C-alpha atoms as a PDB file:
ATOM      1  CA  MET A   1      96.447  61.001  91.881  1.00  0.00           C
ATOM      2  CA  THR A   2      98.177  62.625  94.780  1.00  0.00           C
ATOM      3  CA  THR A   3     101.058  63.644  92.541  1.00  0.00           C
ATOM      4  CA  LEU A   4      98.634  65.070  89.981  1.00  0.00           C
ATOM      5  CA  SER A   5      96.757  67.085  92.591  1.00  0.00           C
ATOM      6  CA  ARG A   6     100.032  68.407  94.043  1.00  0.00           C
ATOM      7  CA  THR A   7     101.203  69.411  90.581  1.00  0.00           C
ATOM      8  CA  GLN A   8      97.887  71.102  89.860  1.00  0.00           C
ATOM      9  CA  SER A   9      97.999  72.861  93.223  1.00  0.00           C
ATOM     10  CA  ALA A  10     101.531  74.098  92.532  1.00  0.00           C
ATOM     11  CA  GLN A  11     100.464  75.360  89.101  1.00  0.00           C
ATOM     12  CA  ASP A  12      97.440  77.132  90.582  1.00  0.00           C
ATOM     13  CA  THR A  13      99.641  78.754  93.214  1.00  0.00           C
ATOM     14  CA  SER A  14     102.123  79.845  90.558  1.00  0.00           C
ATOM     15  CA  LYS A  15      99.341  81.392  88.462  1.00  0.00           C
ATOM     16  CA  ALA A  16      97.933  83.177  91.503  1.00  0.00           C
ATOM     17  CA  MET A  17     101.345  84.568  92.419  1.00  0.00           C
ATOM     18  CA  ARG A  18     101.901  85.862  88.873  1.00  0.00           C
ATOM     19  CA  TRP A  19      98.473  87.494  88.878  1.00  0.00           C
ATOM     20  CA  LEU A  20      99.108  89.021  92.301  1.00  0.00           C
ATOM     21  CA  SER A  21     102.468  90.387  91.164  1.00  0.00           C
ATOM     22  CA  VAL A  22     100.903  92.090  88.136  1.00  0.00           C
ATOM     23  CA  TYR A  23      98.071  93.412  90.285  1.00  0.00           C
ATOM     24  CA  GLN A  24     100.513  94.851  92.805  1.00  0.00           C
ATOM     25  CA  SER A  25     102.605  96.448  90.040  1.00  0.00           C
ATOM     26  CA  SER A  26      99.498  98.106  88.665  1.00  0.00           C
ATOM     27  CA  HIS A  27      98.705  99.543  92.072  1.00  0.00           C
ATOM     28  CA  GLN A  28     102.270 100.760  92.499  1.00  0.00           C
ATOM     29  CA  VAL A  29     102.022 102.643  89.205  1.00  0.00           C
ATOM     30  CA  GLN A  30      98.693 104.163  90.276  1.00  0.00           C
ATOM     31  CA  TYR A  31     100.153 105.144  93.646  1.00  0.00           C
ATOM     32  CA  LEU A  32     103.210 106.804  92.101  1.00  0.00           C
ATOM     33  CA  HIS A  33     101.002 108.702  89.645  1.00  0.00           C
ATOM     34  CA  LEU A  34      98.747 109.947  92.448  1.00  0.00           C
ATOM     35  CA  GLN A  35     101.763 110.874  94.548  1.00  0.00           C
ATOM     36  CA  ALA A  36     103.176 112.950  91.676  1.00  0.00           C
ATOM     37  CA  GLN A  37      99.807 114.684  91.227  1.00  0.00           C
ATOM     38  CA  LEU A  38      99.674 115.459  94.940  1.00  0.00           C
ATOM     39  CA  ASP A  39     103.196 116.904  94.896  1.00  0.00           C
ATOM     40  CA  THR A  40     102.242 119.121  91.946  1.00  0.00           C
ATOM     41  CA  LEU A  41      99.074 120.346  93.662  1.00  0.00           C
ATOM     42  CA  LEU A  42     100.970 121.112  96.865  1.00  0.00           C
ATOM     43  CA  LEU A  43     103.512 123.162  94.929  1.00  0.00           C
ATOM     44  CA  GLU A  44     100.706 125.063  93.197  1.00  0.00           C
ATOM     45  CA  LEU A  45      99.055 125.724  96.556  1.00  0.00           C
ATOM     46  CA  GLN A  46     102.298 127.029  98.031  1.00  0.00           C
ATOM     47  CA  ARG A  47     102.811 129.273  95.010  1.00  0.00           C
ATOM     48  CA  ALA A  48      99.250 130.621  95.274  1.00  0.00           C
ATOM     49  CA  LYS A  49      99.708 131.346  98.990  1.00  0.00           C
ATOM     50  CA  GLN A  50     102.960 133.205  98.269  1.00  0.00           C
ATOM     51  CA  GLN A  51     101.270 135.331  95.615  1.00  0.00           C
ATOM     52  CA  GLN A  52      98.432 136.253  98.006  1.00  0.00           C
ATOM     53  CA  SER A  53     100.738 137.146 100.887  1.00  0.00           C
ATOM     54  CA  PRO A  54     101.961 140.759 100.658  1.00  0.00           C
ATOM     55  CA  THR A  55     105.141 139.964 102.627  1.00  0.00           C
ATOM     56  CA  ALA A  56     106.096 136.897 100.622  1.00  0.00           C
ATOM     57  CA  THR A  57     109.056 137.244  98.299  1.00  0.00           C
ATOM     58  CA  CYS A  58     110.270 134.835  95.691  1.00  0.00           C
ATOM     59  CA  HIS A  59     114.007 134.120  95.551  1.00  0.00           C
ATOM     60  CA  ASN A  60     114.590 132.249  92.276  1.00  0.00           C
END
């Protein structure tokens, strides 16, 4: 029975690790998406500030 319980414990640990890996990947995707949104909003804010400032010039 000890061997069976060790095998079951190892299987449970393996399942938990797989689940954790998927969970972490999902959060990484969410984080990267939010980071991209933040970068976009910051660029829009900078652009809006430049348009409001009479001394700001755009060199593109």
